[in-house]
Amino acid sequence: MSSDSLTLDAVEEGKVARVLGFEGRGGWVYRMYQMGLVPGALVEVLVNNGRGPVIVRVMGVEVAVGRGLARRVRIELAGEGAGWR
């Protein structure tokens, strides 16, 4: 992973990020794939108020990711103009 990568729970609302990968293994990784959070996917953080789930838009669908899992999703911030807009 890149040294300037973050975790999903650290991204501010309104920012777009690219999924790099996951910390750890297990069935939860498969669940992230089912929700569209796959390496290379762009996600827009809609709600991240420091408590509760992080709500993101990925592939046009809004998804709530528990904060504990969001801490295990490695991302990098996407540049200006990135995404589907």
PDB file of N, CA and C in Angstrom:
ATOM      1  N   MET A   1       0.837  -1.181   0.000  1.00  0.00           N
ATOM      2  CA  MET A   1       0.000   0.000   0.000  1.00  0.00           C
ATOM      3  C   MET A   1       0.880   1.241   0.000  1.00  0.00           C
ATOM      4  N   SER A   2       0.357   2.274  -0.561  1.00  0.00           N
ATOM      5  CA  SER A   2       1.079   3.537  -0.637  1.00  0.00           C
ATOM      6  C   SER A   2       1.223   4.161   0.745  1.00  0.00           C
ATOM      7  N   SER A   3       2.322   4.872   0.959  1.00  0.00           N
ATOM      8  CA  SER A   3       2.557   5.486   2.259  1.00  0.00           C
ATOM      9  C   SER A   3       1.609   6.648   2.528  1.00  0.00           C
ATOM     10  N   ASP A   4       1.003   7.204   1.474  1.00  0.00           N
ATOM     11  CA  ASP A   4       0.078   8.314   1.670  1.00  0.00           C
ATOM     12  C   ASP A   4      -1.375   7.847   1.656  1.00  0.00           C
ATOM     13  N   SER A   5      -1.600   6.546   1.829  1.00  0.00           N
ATOM     14  CA  SER A   5      -2.959   6.043   1.864  1.00  0.00           C
ATOM     15  C   SER A   5      -3.587   6.311   3.229  1.00  0.00           C
ATOM     16  N   LEU A   6      -4.898   6.347   3.233  1.00  0.00           N
ATOM     17  CA  LEU A   6      -5.692   6.586   4.441  1.00  0.00           C
ATOM     18  C   LEU A   6      -6.633   5.411   4.629  1.00  0.00           C
ATOM     19  N   THR A   7      -7.415   5.484   5.691  1.00  0.00           N
ATOM     20  CA  THR A   7      -8.505   4.528   5.837  1.00  0.00           C
ATOM     21  C   THR A   7      -9.807   5.271   5.570  1.00  0.00           C
ATOM     22  N   LEU A   8     -10.818   4.528   5.179  1.00  0.00           N
ATOM     23  CA  LEU A   8     -12.085   5.119   4.781  1.00  0.00           C
ATOM     24  C   LEU A   8     -12.708   5.970   5.883  1.00  0.00           C
ATOM     25  N   ASP A   9     -12.533   5.598   7.135  1.00  0.00           N
ATOM     26  CA  ASP A   9     -13.140   6.353   8.234  1.00  0.00           C
ATOM     27  C   ASP A   9     -12.506   7.731   8.428  1.00  0.00           C
ATOM     28  N   ALA A  10     -11.358   7.993   7.780  1.00  0.00           N
ATOM     29  CA  ALA A  10     -10.658   9.270   7.947  1.00  0.00           C
ATOM     30  C   ALA A  10     -10.976  10.279   6.843  1.00  0.00           C
ATOM     31  N   VAL A  11     -11.809   9.903   5.885  1.00  0.00           N
ATOM     32  CA  VAL A  11     -12.100  10.786   4.753  1.00  0.00           C
ATOM     33  C   VAL A  11     -13.247  11.728   5.096  1.00  0.00           C
ATOM     34  N   GLU A  12     -13.074  13.001   4.761  1.00  0.00           N
ATOM     35  CA  GLU A  12     -14.101  14.002   5.035  1.00  0.00           C
ATOM     36  C   GLU A  12     -15.293  13.842   4.091  1.00  0.00           C
ATOM     37  N   GLU A  13     -16.436  14.300   4.570  1.00  0.00           N
ATOM     38  CA  GLU A  13     -17.650  14.280   3.748  1.00  0.00           C
ATOM     39  C   GLU A  13     -17.432  15.083   2.474  1.00  0.00           C
ATOM     40  N   GLY A  14     -17.958  14.577   1.372  1.00  0.00           N
ATOM     41  CA  GLY A  14     -17.874  15.272   0.100  1.00  0.00           C
ATOM     42  C   GLY A  14     -16.638  14.926  -0.721  1.00  0.00           C
ATOM     43  N   LYS A  15     -15.678  14.212  -0.138  1.00  0.00           N
ATOM     44  CA  LYS A  15     -14.458  13.849  -0.849  1.00  0.00           C
ATOM     45  C   LYS A  15     -14.663  12.554  -1.637  1.00  0.00           C
ATOM     46  N   VAL A  16     -13.911  12.438  -2.730  1.00  0.00           N
ATOM     47  CA  VAL A  16     -13.922  11.227  -3.545  1.00  0.00           C
ATOM     48  C   VAL A  16     -12.591  10.515  -3.348  1.00  0.00           C
ATOM     49  N   ALA A  17     -12.652   9.203  -3.181  1.00  0.00           N
ATOM     50  CA  ALA A  17     -11.444   8.419  -2.934  1.00  0.00           C
ATOM     51  C   ALA A  17     -11.483   7.138  -3.755  1.00  0.00           C
ATOM     52  N   ARG A  18     -10.310   6.549  -3.947  1.00  0.00           N
ATOM     53  CA  ARG A  18     -10.182   5.281  -4.660  1.00  0.00           C
ATOM     54  C   ARG A  18      -9.774   4.198  -3.665  1.00  0.00           C
ATOM     55  N   VAL A  19     -10.473   3.066  -3.725  1.00  0.00           N
ATOM     56  CA  VAL A  19     -10.165   1.947  -2.840  1.00  0.00           C
ATOM     57  C   VAL A  19      -8.855   1.305  -3.294  1.00  0.00           C
ATOM     58  N   LEU A  20      -7.930   1.121  -2.346  1.00  0.00           N
ATOM     59  CA  LEU A  20      -6.651   0.472  -2.636  1.00  0.00           C
ATOM     60  C   LEU A  20      -6.660  -1.003  -2.232  1.00  0.00           C
ATOM     61  N   GLY A  21      -7.309  -1.297  -1.127  1.00  0.00           N
ATOM     62  CA  GLY A  21      -7.334  -2.672  -0.634  1.00  0.00           C
ATOM     63  C   GLY A  21      -7.849  -2.717   0.786  1.00  0.00           C
ATOM     64  N   PHE A  22      -7.583  -3.839   1.443  1.00  0.00           N
ATOM     65  CA  PHE A  22      -8.136  -4.082   2.768  1.00  0.00           C
ATOM     66  C   PHE A  22      -7.055  -4.561   3.722  1.00  0.00           C
ATOM     67  N   GLU A  23      -7.201  -4.213   4.983  1.00  0.00           N
ATOM     68  CA  GLU A  23      -6.304  -4.694   6.031  1.00  0.00           C
ATOM     69  C   GLU A  23      -6.955  -5.912   6.667  1.00  0.00           C
ATOM     70  N   GLY A  24      -6.292  -7.038   6.567  1.00  0.00           N
ATOM     71  CA  GLY A  24      -6.828  -8.257   7.146  1.00  0.00           C
ATOM     72  C   GLY A  24      -7.540  -9.109   6.117  1.00  0.00           C
ATOM     73  N   ARG A  25      -8.099 -10.192   6.603  1.00  0.00           N
ATOM     74  CA  ARG A  25      -8.795 -11.144   5.758  1.00  0.00           C
ATOM     75  C   ARG A  25     -10.048 -11.598   6.475  1.00  0.00           C
ATOM     76  N   GLY A  26     -10.870 -12.310   5.748  1.00  0.00           N
ATOM     77  CA  GLY A  26     -12.066 -12.865   6.357  1.00  0.00           C
ATOM     78  C   GLY A  26     -13.293 -12.627   5.501  1.00  0.00           C
ATOM     79  N   GLY A  27     -14.421 -13.093   5.996  1.00  0.00           N
ATOM     80  CA  GLY A  27     -15.679 -12.969   5.271  1.00  0.00           C
ATOM     81  C   GLY A  27     -16.100 -11.536   5.031  1.00  0.00           C
ATOM     82  N   TRP A  28     -15.658 -10.625   5.876  1.00  0.00           N
ATOM     83  CA  TRP A  28     -16.037  -9.216   5.711  1.00  0.00           C
ATOM     84  C   TRP A  28     -15.477  -8.649   4.406  1.00  0.00           C
ATOM     85  N   VAL A  29     -14.324  -9.154   3.956  1.00  0.00           N
ATOM     86  CA  VAL A  29     -13.754  -8.668   2.693  1.00  0.00           C
ATOM     87  C   VAL A  29     -14.681  -9.050   1.541  1.00  0.00           C
ATOM     88  N   TYR A  30     -15.187 -10.262   1.569  1.00  0.00           N
ATOM     89  CA  TYR A  30     -16.141 -10.710   0.549  1.00  0.00           C
ATOM     90  C   TYR A  30     -17.378  -9.811   0.565  1.00  0.00           C
ATOM     91  N   ARG A  31     -17.835  -9.441   1.754  1.00  0.00           N
ATOM     92  CA  ARG A  31     -19.012  -8.553   1.871  1.00  0.00           C
ATOM     93  C   ARG A  31     -18.716  -7.191   1.266  1.00  0.00           C
ATOM     94  N   MET A  32     -17.502  -6.664   1.464  1.00  0.00           N
ATOM     95  CA  MET A  32     -17.128  -5.382   0.851  1.00  0.00           C
ATOM     96  C   MET A  32     -17.191  -5.498  -0.674  1.00  0.00           C
ATOM     97  N   TYR A  33     -16.710  -6.619  -1.212  1.00  0.00           N
ATOM     98  CA  TYR A  33     -16.773  -6.840  -2.656  1.00  0.00           C
ATOM     99  C   TYR A  33     -18.229  -6.864  -3.127  1.00  0.00           C
ATOM    100  N   GLN A  34     -19.109  -7.512  -2.377  1.00  0.00           N
ATOM    101  CA  GLN A  34     -20.519  -7.575  -2.736  1.00  0.00           C
ATOM    102  C   GLN A  34     -21.146  -6.185  -2.790  1.00  0.00           C
ATOM    103  N   MET A  35     -20.687  -5.276  -1.934  1.00  0.00           N
ATOM    104  CA  MET A  35     -21.242  -3.921  -1.890  1.00  0.00           C
ATOM    105  C   MET A  35     -20.595  -3.002  -2.924  1.00  0.00           C
ATOM    106  N   GLY A  36     -19.625  -3.519  -3.680  1.00  0.00           N
ATOM    107  CA  GLY A  36     -18.988  -2.700  -4.708  1.00  0.00           C
ATOM    108  C   GLY A  36     -17.684  -2.058  -4.278  1.00  0.00           C
ATOM    109  N   LEU A  37     -17.281  -2.266  -3.036  1.00  0.00           N
ATOM    110  CA  LEU A  37     -16.015  -1.710  -2.553  1.00  0.00           C
ATOM    111  C   LEU A  37     -14.895  -2.659  -2.937  1.00  0.00           C
ATOM    112  N   VAL A  38     -14.429  -2.513  -4.162  1.00  0.00           N
ATOM    113  CA  VAL A  38     -13.365  -3.364  -4.701  1.00  0.00           C
ATOM    114  C   VAL A  38     -12.160  -2.482  -5.003  1.00  0.00           C
ATOM    115  N   PRO A  39     -10.964  -3.036  -4.999  1.00  0.00           N
ATOM    116  CA  PRO A  39      -9.801  -2.220  -5.345  1.00  0.00           C
ATOM    117  C   PRO A  39      -9.983  -1.523  -6.690  1.00  0.00           C
ATOM    118  N   GLY A  40      -9.711  -0.230  -6.698  1.00  0.00           N
ATOM    119  CA  GLY A  40      -9.868   0.586  -7.897  1.00  0.00           C
ATOM    120  C   GLY A  40     -11.182   1.342  -7.976  1.00  0.00           C
ATOM    121  N   ALA A  41     -12.178   0.948  -7.167  1.00  0.00           N
ATOM    122  CA  ALA A  41     -13.480   1.610  -7.190  1.00  0.00           C
ATOM    123  C   ALA A  41     -13.383   3.013  -6.601  1.00  0.00           C
ATOM    124  N   LEU A  42     -14.125   3.942  -7.211  1.00  0.00           N
ATOM    125  CA  LEU A  42     -14.219   5.298  -6.664  1.00  0.00           C
ATOM    126  C   LEU A  42     -15.402   5.367  -5.717  1.00  0.00           C
ATOM    127  N   VAL A  43     -15.189   5.972  -4.562  1.00  0.00           N
ATOM    128  CA  VAL A  43     -16.258   6.143  -3.588  1.00  0.00           C
ATOM    129  C   VAL A  43     -16.340   7.614  -3.198  1.00  0.00           C
ATOM    130  N   GLU A  44     -17.551   8.101  -3.036  1.00  0.00           N
ATOM    131  CA  GLU A  44     -17.781   9.468  -2.551  1.00  0.00           C
ATOM    132  C   GLU A  44     -18.314   9.345  -1.135  1.00  0.00           C
ATOM    133  N   VAL A  45     -17.672  10.001  -0.184  1.00  0.00           N
ATOM    134  CA  VAL A  45     -18.122   9.945   1.204  1.00  0.00           C
ATOM    135  C   VAL A  45     -19.271  10.940   1.378  1.00  0.00           C
ATOM    136  N   LEU A  46     -20.426  10.428   1.733  1.00  0.00           N
ATOM    137  CA  LEU A  46     -21.617  11.258   1.910  1.00  0.00           C
ATOM    138  C   LEU A  46     -21.798  11.685   3.358  1.00  0.00           C
ATOM    139  N   VAL A  47     -21.606  10.739   4.290  1.00  0.00           N
ATOM    140  CA  VAL A  47     -21.770  11.027   5.718  1.00  0.00           C
ATOM    141  C   VAL A  47     -20.604  10.401   6.477  1.00  0.00           C
ATOM    142  N   ASN A  48     -19.900  11.243   7.219  1.00  0.00           N
ATOM    143  CA  ASN A  48     -18.839  10.764   8.113  1.00  0.00           C
ATOM    144  C   ASN A  48     -18.708  11.791   9.226  1.00  0.00           C
ATOM    145  N   ASN A  49     -19.516  11.611  10.246  1.00  0.00           N
ATOM    146  CA  ASN A  49     -19.535  12.590  11.326  1.00  0.00           C
ATOM    147  C   ASN A  49     -18.733  12.143  12.554  1.00  0.00           C
ATOM    148  N   GLY A  50     -17.904  11.113  12.396  1.00  0.00           N
ATOM    149  CA  GLY A  50     -17.067  10.668  13.501  1.00  0.00           C
ATOM    150  C   GLY A  50     -17.701   9.628  14.404  1.00  0.00           C
ATOM    151  N   ARG A  51     -18.973   9.377  14.208  1.00  0.00           N
ATOM    152  CA  ARG A  51     -19.692   8.366  14.986  1.00  0.00           C
ATOM    153  C   ARG A  51     -20.605   7.615  14.038  1.00  0.00           C
ATOM    154  N   GLY A  52     -20.852   6.377  14.350  1.00  0.00           N
ATOM    155  CA  GLY A  52     -21.753   5.584  13.525  1.00  0.00           C
ATOM    156  C   GLY A  52     -21.122   5.205  12.194  1.00  0.00           C
ATOM    157  N   PRO A  53     -21.955   4.688  11.282  1.00  0.00           N
ATOM    158  CA  PRO A  53     -21.416   4.207  10.012  1.00  0.00           C
ATOM    159  C   PRO A  53     -20.954   5.344   9.103  1.00  0.00           C
ATOM    160  N   VAL A  54     -20.066   4.994   8.188  1.00  0.00           N
ATOM    161  CA  VAL A  54     -19.644   5.904   7.127  1.00  0.00           C
ATOM    162  C   VAL A  54     -20.518   5.564   5.927  1.00  0.00           C
ATOM    163  N   ILE A  55     -21.217   6.554   5.410  1.00  0.00           N
ATOM    164  CA  ILE A  55     -22.100   6.319   4.274  1.00  0.00           C
ATOM    165  C   ILE A  55     -21.409   6.842   3.022  1.00  0.00           C
ATOM    166  N   VAL A  56     -21.274   5.947   2.031  1.00  0.00           N
ATOM    167  CA  VAL A  56     -20.574   6.283   0.803  1.00  0.00           C
ATOM    168  C   VAL A  56     -21.456   5.980  -0.400  1.00  0.00           C
ATOM    169  N   ARG A  57     -21.115   6.600  -1.515  1.00  0.00           N
ATOM    170  CA  ARG A  57     -21.747   6.262  -2.789  1.00  0.00           C
ATOM    171  C   ARG A  57     -20.685   5.556  -3.616  1.00  0.00           C
ATOM    172  N   VAL A  58     -20.993   4.347  -4.036  1.00  0.00           N
ATOM    173  CA  VAL A  58     -20.082   3.571  -4.863  1.00  0.00           C
ATOM    174  C   VAL A  58     -20.892   2.964  -6.005  1.00  0.00           C
ATOM    175  N   MET A  59     -20.440   3.170  -7.225  1.00  0.00           N
ATOM    176  CA  MET A  59     -21.137   2.687  -8.419  1.00  0.00           C
ATOM    177  C   MET A  59     -22.588   3.158  -8.451  1.00  0.00           C
ATOM    178  N   GLY A  60     -22.826   4.372  -7.958  1.00  0.00           N
ATOM    179  CA  GLY A  60     -24.160   4.957  -7.989  1.00  0.00           C
ATOM    180  C   GLY A  60     -25.099   4.517  -6.878  1.00  0.00           C
ATOM    181  N   VAL A  61     -24.624   3.712  -5.962  1.00  0.00           N
ATOM    182  CA  VAL A  61     -25.464   3.183  -4.877  1.00  0.00           C
ATOM    183  C   VAL A  61     -24.916   3.667  -3.542  1.00  0.00           C
ATOM    184  N   GLU A  62     -25.806   4.096  -2.642  1.00  0.00           N
ATOM    185  CA  GLU A  62     -25.391   4.511  -1.307  1.00  0.00           C
ATOM    186  C   GLU A  62     -25.274   3.288  -0.399  1.00  0.00           C
ATOM    187  N   VAL A  63     -24.135   3.191   0.289  1.00  0.00           N
ATOM    188  CA  VAL A  63     -23.834   2.035   1.128  1.00  0.00           C
ATOM    189  C   VAL A  63     -23.354   2.528   2.485  1.00  0.00           C
ATOM    190  N   ALA A  64     -23.848   1.909   3.554  1.00  0.00           N
ATOM    191  CA  ALA A  64     -23.381   2.227   4.911  1.00  0.00           C
ATOM    192  C   ALA A  64     -22.342   1.184   5.318  1.00  0.00           C
ATOM    193  N   VAL A  65     -21.179   1.664   5.726  1.00  0.00           N
ATOM    194  CA  VAL A  65     -20.091   0.783   6.167  1.00  0.00           C
ATOM    195  C   VAL A  65     -19.840   1.077   7.637  1.00  0.00           C
ATOM    196  N   GLY A  66     -19.913   0.053   8.464  1.00  0.00           N
ATOM    197  CA  GLY A  66     -19.649   0.232   9.887  1.00  0.00           C
ATOM    198  C   GLY A  66     -18.272   0.846  10.114  1.00  0.00           C
ATOM    199  N   ARG A  67     -18.167   1.662  11.127  1.00  0.00           N
ATOM    200  CA  ARG A  67     -16.917   2.383  11.387  1.00  0.00           C
ATOM    201  C   ARG A  67     -15.744   1.431  11.599  1.00  0.00           C
ATOM    202  N   GLY A  68     -15.945   0.320  12.266  1.00  0.00           N
ATOM    203  CA  GLY A  68     -14.868  -0.640  12.482  1.00  0.00           C
ATOM    204  C   GLY A  68     -14.345  -1.204  11.172  1.00  0.00           C
ATOM    205  N   LEU A  69     -15.242  -1.508  10.250  1.00  0.00           N
ATOM    206  CA  LEU A  69     -14.814  -2.003   8.938  1.00  0.00           C
ATOM    207  C   LEU A  69     -14.201  -0.885   8.114  1.00  0.00           C
ATOM    208  N   ALA A  70     -14.746   0.315   8.230  1.00  0.00           N
ATOM    209  CA  ALA A  70     -14.209   1.451   7.473  1.00  0.00           C
ATOM    210  C   ALA A  70     -12.753   1.716   7.847  1.00  0.00           C
ATOM    211  N   ARG A  71     -12.379   1.395   9.084  1.00  0.00           N
ATOM    212  CA  ARG A  71     -10.987   1.566   9.507  1.00  0.00           C
ATOM    213  C   ARG A  71     -10.044   0.571   8.841  1.00  0.00           C
ATOM    214  N   ARG A  72     -10.598  -0.448   8.206  1.00  0.00           N
ATOM    215  CA  ARG A  72      -9.785  -1.488   7.584  1.00  0.00           C
ATOM    216  C   ARG A  72      -9.770  -1.384   6.061  1.00  0.00           C
ATOM    217  N   VAL A  73     -10.460  -0.383   5.513  1.00  0.00           N
ATOM    218  CA  VAL A  73     -10.476  -0.170   4.062  1.00  0.00           C
ATOM    219  C   VAL A  73      -9.453   0.907   3.727  1.00  0.00           C
ATOM    220  N   ARG A  74      -8.401   0.543   3.003  1.00  0.00           N
ATOM    221  CA  ARG A  74      -7.342   1.487   2.623  1.00  0.00           C
ATOM    222  C   ARG A  74      -7.758   2.210   1.347  1.00  0.00           C
ATOM    223  N   ILE A  75      -7.611   3.536   1.360  1.00  0.00           N
ATOM    224  CA  ILE A  75      -7.998   4.347   0.212  1.00  0.00           C
ATOM    225  C   ILE A  75      -6.938   5.414  -0.045  1.00  0.00           C
ATOM    226  N   GLU A  76      -7.049   6.048  -1.205  1.00  0.00           N
ATOM    227  CA  GLU A  76      -6.273   7.249  -1.485  1.00  0.00           C
ATOM    228  C   GLU A  76      -7.247   8.272  -2.038  1.00  0.00           C
ATOM    229  N   LEU A  77      -7.042   9.525  -1.694  1.00  0.00           N
ATOM    230  CA  LEU A  77      -7.921  10.566  -2.190  1.00  0.00           C
ATOM    231  C   LEU A  77      -7.745  10.699  -3.690  1.00  0.00           C
ATOM    232  N   ALA A  78      -8.856  10.834  -4.399  1.00  0.00           N
ATOM    233  CA  ALA A  78      -8.817  11.011  -5.850  1.00  0.00           C
ATOM    234  C   ALA A  78      -8.622  12.480  -6.164  1.00  0.00           C
ATOM    235  N   GLY A  79      -8.012  12.777  -7.276  1.00  0.00           N
ATOM    236  CA  GLY A  79      -7.776  14.154  -7.672  1.00  0.00           C
ATOM    237  C   GLY A  79      -9.052  14.865  -8.078  1.00  0.00           C
ATOM    238  N   GLU A  80      -8.943  16.162  -8.281  1.00  0.00           N
ATOM    239  CA  GLU A  80     -10.091  16.954  -8.709  1.00  0.00           C
ATOM    240  C   GLU A  80     -10.626  16.416 -10.034  1.00  0.00           C
ATOM    241  N   GLY A  81     -11.926  16.386 -10.162  1.00  0.00           N
ATOM    242  CA  GLY A  81     -12.554  15.938 -11.393  1.00  0.00           C
ATOM    243  C   GLY A  81     -12.638  14.424 -11.516  1.00  0.00           C
ATOM    244  N   ALA A  82     -12.165  13.697 -10.522  1.00  0.00           N
ATOM    245  CA  ALA A  82     -12.238  12.237 -10.570  1.00  0.00           C
ATOM    246  C   ALA A  82     -13.665  11.802 -10.332  1.00  0.00           C
ATOM    247  N   GLY A  83     -13.985  10.646 -10.813  1.00  0.00           N
ATOM    248  CA  GLY A  83     -15.289  10.074 -10.506  1.00  0.00           C
ATOM    249  C   GLY A  83     -16.223  10.069 -11.675  1.00  0.00           C
ATOM    250  N   TRP A  84     -17.475   9.987 -11.361  1.00  0.00           N
ATOM    251  CA  TRP A  84     -18.524   9.743 -12.343  1.00  0.00           C
ATOM    252  C   TRP A  84     -19.296  10.994 -12.700  1.00  0.00           C
ATOM    253  N   ARG A  85     -18.918  12.147 -12.147  1.00  0.00           N
ATOM    254  CA  ARG A  85     -19.691  13.368 -12.375  1.00  0.00           C
ATOM    255  C   ARG A  85     -19.408  13.966 -13.722  1.00  0.00           C
TER     256      ARG A  85
END
